[in-house]
Protein backbone atom coordinates (compact mmCIF):
# COMPACT_ATOMS: atom_id res chain seq x y z
CA UNK A 1 -31.49 0.03 -7.26
CA UNK A 2 -31.54 3.82 -7.31
CA UNK A 3 -28.74 6.16 -8.31
CA UNK A 4 -27.83 6.94 -4.67
CA UNK A 5 -27.58 3.25 -3.81
CA UNK A 6 -25.42 2.62 -6.89
CA UNK A 7 -23.04 5.41 -5.89
CA UNK A 8 -22.88 4.14 -2.30
CA UNK A 9 -22.13 0.62 -3.52
CA UNK A 10 -19.40 1.87 -5.87
CA UNK A 11 -17.82 3.84 -3.04
CA UNK A 12 -17.93 0.84 -0.68
CA UNK A 13 -16.33 -1.44 -3.27
CA UNK A 14 -13.54 1.07 -3.91
CA UNK A 15 -12.91 1.62 -0.21
CA UNK A 16 -12.88 -2.14 0.43
CA UNK A 17 -10.22 -2.52 -2.26
CA UNK A 18 -8.07 -0.02 -0.35
CA UNK A 19 -8.79 -1.63 3.01
CA UNK A 20 -7.89 -5.10 1.72
CA UNK A 21 -4.73 -3.81 0.01
CA UNK A 22 -3.53 -1.96 3.11
CA UNK A 23 -4.35 -4.92 5.33
CA UNK A 24 -2.45 -7.37 3.13
CA UNK A 25 0.55 -5.08 2.78
CA UNK A 26 0.52 -4.52 6.55
CA UNK A 27 0.24 -8.18 7.48
CA UNK A 28 2.90 -9.22 4.98
CA UNK A 29 5.38 -6.70 6.42
CA UNK A 30 5.71 -8.76 9.62
CA UNK A 31 7.25 -12.03 8.27
CA UNK A 32 9.62 -10.46 5.73
CA UNK A 33 12.47 -12.94 6.17
CA UNK A 34 10.19 -15.96 5.66
CA UNK A 35 8.41 -14.39 2.70
CA UNK A 36 11.61 -13.32 0.98
CA UNK A 37 13.07 -16.78 1.52
CA UNK A 38 10.09 -18.31 -0.25
CA UNK A 39 10.20 -15.79 -3.08
CA UNK A 40 13.96 -16.26 -3.47
CA UNK A 41 13.60 -20.03 -3.66
CA UNK A 42 10.70 -20.00 -6.12
CA UNK A 43 11.34 -16.89 -8.24
CA UNK A 44 11.88 -17.64 -11.89
CA UNK A 45 11.97 -14.07 -13.15
CA UNK A 46 14.74 -12.02 -14.60
CA UNK A 47 18.27 -12.53 -13.28
CA UNK A 48 18.37 -8.92 -12.03
CA UNK A 49 15.19 -9.38 -9.98
CA UNK A 50 16.37 -12.71 -8.59
CA UNK A 51 19.74 -11.19 -7.64
CA UNK A 52 18.00 -8.26 -5.93
CA UNK A 53 15.62 -10.48 -3.95
CA UNK A 54 18.49 -12.80 -2.95
CA UNK A 55 20.61 -9.85 -1.86
CA UNK A 56 17.81 -8.38 0.23
CA UNK A 57 17.03 -11.77 1.76
CA UNK A 58 20.68 -12.33 2.71
CA UNK A 59 20.91 -8.87 4.27
CA UNK A 60 17.67 -9.36 6.19
CA UNK A 61 18.79 -12.79 7.38
CA UNK A 62 22.08 -11.34 8.64
CA UNK A 63 20.37 -8.40 10.35
CA UNK A 64 17.77 -10.64 12.00
CA UNK A 65 20.48 -13.01 13.26
CA UNK A 66 22.75 -10.27 14.61
CA UNK A 67 20.55 -7.22 15.16
CA UNK A 68 16.93 -8.42 15.41
CA UNK A 69 15.78 -5.17 16.96
CA UNK A 70 16.28 -3.37 13.62
CA UNK A 71 13.34 -5.31 12.19
CA UNK A 72 11.20 -3.62 14.81
CA UNK A 73 11.04 -0.74 12.29
CA UNK A 74 9.21 -2.90 9.77
CA UNK A 75 6.88 -4.04 12.55
CA UNK A 76 5.92 -0.40 13.00
CA UNK A 77 5.50 -0.06 9.24
CA UNK A 78 3.09 -2.98 9.30
CA UNK A 79 1.28 -1.49 12.29
CA UNK A 80 0.94 1.86 10.49
CA UNK A 81 -0.75 0.15 7.53
CA UNK A 82 -3.23 -1.50 9.86
CA UNK A 83 -3.94 1.77 11.69
CA UNK A 84 -4.57 3.56 8.40
CA UNK A 85 -7.10 0.83 7.58
CA UNK A 86 -9.13 1.95 10.59
CA UNK A 87 -9.38 5.48 9.18
CA UNK A 88 -11.00 4.12 6.00
CA UNK A 89 -13.92 2.77 8.01
CA UNK A 90 -15.22 6.36 8.11
CA UNK A 91 -15.88 6.59 4.35
CA UNK A 92 -17.52 3.17 4.45
CA UNK A 93 -20.06 4.52 6.92
CA UNK A 94 -20.44 8.06 5.60
CA UNK A 95 -18.37 8.90 2.53
CA UNK A 96 -19.60 12.49 2.19
CA UNK A 97 -18.72 13.37 5.79
CA UNK A 98 -15.39 11.53 5.51
CA UNK A 99 -14.32 12.56 2.00
CA UNK A 100 -11.16 13.94 3.57
CA UNK A 101 -10.01 10.36 4.19
CA UNK A 102 -10.34 9.58 0.48
CA UNK A 103 -8.43 12.78 -0.34
CA UNK A 104 -5.78 11.84 2.23
CA UNK A 105 -5.41 8.44 0.54
CA UNK A 106 -4.99 10.04 -2.89
CA UNK A 107 -2.36 12.43 -1.54
CA UNK A 108 -0.52 9.49 0.05
CA UNK A 109 -0.57 7.65 -3.30
CA UNK A 110 0.98 10.65 -5.06
CA UNK A 111 3.61 11.07 -2.33
CA UNK A 112 4.85 7.54 -2.98
CA UNK A 113 6.60 8.86 -6.10
CA UNK A 114 8.96 11.42 -4.51
CA UNK A 115 9.67 9.04 -1.62
CA UNK A 116 10.54 6.20 -3.99
CA UNK A 117 12.74 8.32 -6.20
CA UNK A 118 14.43 10.46 -3.53
CA UNK A 119 14.87 7.96 -0.71
CA UNK A 120 15.28 5.12 -3.18
CA UNK A 121 18.13 6.99 -4.84
CA UNK A 122 19.78 7.77 -1.52
CA UNK A 123 19.44 4.12 -0.43
CA UNK A 124 20.70 2.78 -3.81
CA UNK A 125 17.44 0.98 -4.60
CA UNK A 126 17.46 -0.17 -8.24
CA UNK A 127 15.18 1.82 -10.52
CA UNK A 128 13.07 -1.24 -11.40
CA UNK A 129 12.26 -1.72 -7.71
CA UNK A 130 11.41 1.95 -7.27
CA UNK A 131 8.98 1.60 -10.17
CA UNK A 132 7.41 -1.41 -8.44
CA UNK A 133 7.01 0.73 -5.32
CA UNK A 134 5.44 3.49 -7.40
CA UNK A 135 2.96 1.02 -8.85
CA UNK A 136 1.28 0.89 -5.42
CA UNK A 137 0.54 4.59 -5.78
CA UNK A 138 -0.86 4.10 -9.26
CA UNK A 139 -2.93 1.08 -8.25
CA UNK A 140 -4.15 2.74 -5.05
CA UNK A 141 -5.17 6.03 -6.57
CA UNK A 142 -7.54 4.42 -9.08
CA UNK A 143 -10.17 3.13 -6.61
CA UNK A 144 -9.67 6.22 -4.45
CA UNK A 145 -10.30 8.52 -7.43
CA UNK A 146 -13.40 6.53 -8.37
CA UNK A 147 -14.62 6.72 -4.77
CA UNK A 148 -13.89 10.44 -4.69
CA UNK A 149 -15.84 11.11 -7.88
CA UNK A 150 -18.77 9.00 -6.68
CA UNK A 151 -18.72 10.73 -3.28
CA UNK A 152 -18.81 14.17 -4.93
CA UNK A 153 -21.83 13.05 -7.01
CA UNK A 154 -23.47 11.68 -3.90
CA UNK A 155 -22.83 14.97 -2.13
CA UNK A 156 -24.46 16.91 -4.97
CA UNK A 157 -27.51 14.66 -4.86
CA UNK A 158 -27.79 14.93 -1.07
């Protein structure tokens, strides 16, 4: 396998990691009440985490029973994840031409931090949960950065 093929393979693997992650996070945003109920019933973590999950579950249960239309917002969140997945098909096909998508993804990963800390503070989200949210930015930027570097090398070889 030549150097170009190795770079293309590395890029595809990195982009597939992002596609799978976005798809899973999108799909799992639809059945939040069911998922949180399962987590609440089977979570054996710290008392603070269990209390937080139980509180969120109880709130979501109440909202879904009395105001189900509010959960429509998380349906749109899920939809947005799935739409963003479509954009990442471009770098799978032609990473050099679509490097902007990789850059967009890296910018989005960085922007998770101010959103988590600003909106999280305003919404009284515990700091440990904001750090969990930020971990998605850290985890996401790694394969994107690797894809970006490989795409730049591919571009120079082209």
